[in-house]
Amino acid sequence: MVVPMTTQTFMLSSFPRALVHLDGDAFFAAVEQAIHPEWKGRPVVTGKERGIIACASYEAKALGIKRGIRLHEAQRMCPRLVVVPSDYETYCLYSKRMFTIMRRFTPVVEESSIDEGFADLTGLRRVFRTSYVEIARRMKQAIHDELDITVSIGLSLSKGLCKLASKHHKPNGLTAVAGSRIHEFLPRIPIEEVWGFGPNISAFLRKQGIATAHDYAVMPERWAAKKLGKIGREIWNELRGNGVYPVETEEKNDYATISKCKTFTAPSADPDFVYAKLVRNVESACIKARRHRLRARVLYVALRKKDYSQRGVEAALSRATSSPQEVLPLVRAMFERVYEPGAEYRTTMVVLAKLEEDRADQFELFEDQPRIENMRQAARAIDETSERYGKHAVGLGTALYLDRHVVTARDEQPVRKHNLLTGETDRQRLNLPMLNVTV
């Protein structure tokens, strides 16, 4: 008997491999509600410092307020909206605690972003004396009990299936897709939601008559490879439960690019101030490059105006570097090329590209070796000082122009930066979130 394509079973085993994908529910807003209990059940959004919503609670989403909407539009939609500046320091602390809880259940955990991660539970049923579904449920409950936030979990055989499952029931959901049930789950998933397929690929597949994840998975593997190449074959296998993407436990260090972007709380037409912001981006990008022992061969800078129009320019460096002092003359020339006198700017951006491992140099014949070595030693001294006293404790002279910043209501700082504990400074604080209770 031939099984119809619509009911074709991909796999008879339930869980030859058990992976989970954990996704925080409106993570930033949920953390704010956790440290401000009086906001529970109220519409809360973060992003006051940007003027654009960075994250909206589910109460806000129910009113049509979502990420990317301008704050004045959101406040018009909901006058009682709670708007707060993003407290990334506290969000990172909650993230670390969330992943620590995950590691109580399994050491194989991948931190894919601040609020998302994968974990491998394979073989742990004997350890916990229960099913994989129950292990995932216990993990989920522990996070809620200890952090007072909710997460959605997807449990299945591959990372691609887990990611689809975690988003299937949000918020506070737990969706398990056993191998023997994959063929029942995939028809519910539009092709646009498949992890790895962007808008262009999805549109292309729609033209091929592929409307759902199931439509794609029942096609022959050679068809997927012919149409989409290596990525097409990999996603085809992931959807069928044949995991090809491992859970990566190592910290990411294979960056293709490093970018730093800074939006001003008030647009500025002051060239010295805008340039100082751009240089600060360069410093931050180089600090990250040095932390991961990388250096760049290509530099890209861009300025975004108040009306969101943007101009940028790219340049190849004469030698790979991670020293801001070494690229500063080029940055100045690039800035003057894209800056328009009199225009108001709201964002500066820097991207380091063509990254390579920072290793011992083989100097060219006419390079200024003493100068290069001096800049390298200066960078090491800056890193050591920053580690002790906080990031940007030592910076370039252009930082003096940062004081020309025009203070507005959007400059409101997160509560944690107001309420310092004894001995804390603006740059150095204990890794402790602070519960704010109004009595």
Foldseek 3Di string as FASTA:
>chain_A
DDDDLLQDALDDFFPQWKKKKKFFALQQQQLVCLLEVVCPPHWEFEDLLPQFTCTIHVSLVVLVDGGGHGPVVSCVSPVPYHYYYGDVLLLQLLLVVLVVLVVVQPVQKACPDSGMIMGTNPPCCVVVVHDPLVSVVVSQVVSCVPSVGGIFMEMEQAPQRGVVQSVPDDDRYYGYATSRRLSVPFVVAFPCPGPPDHPVNSVVVVVVVRGTRSSLLSDDLVVQCVVPNPSSNQSSCRSNSNYPDGRDSDDDLPDQKFKDKDFGSFWDLDLLQVLLQQLVRLLVSLLVCVVSQKWFQKKKKKWAFPVRDIDIDMDGHPDTDSFSVVCVVVSVVRSVVGRDHPTTTTMMMMMGHPMDGNDDDDDDPPDPVVVVVVSVVVVVVQSVVCVVQNPPPDDDPSVVSNVVRDDDPSPDDPPPQVDADPPADNGDHPSDDHRDYDD
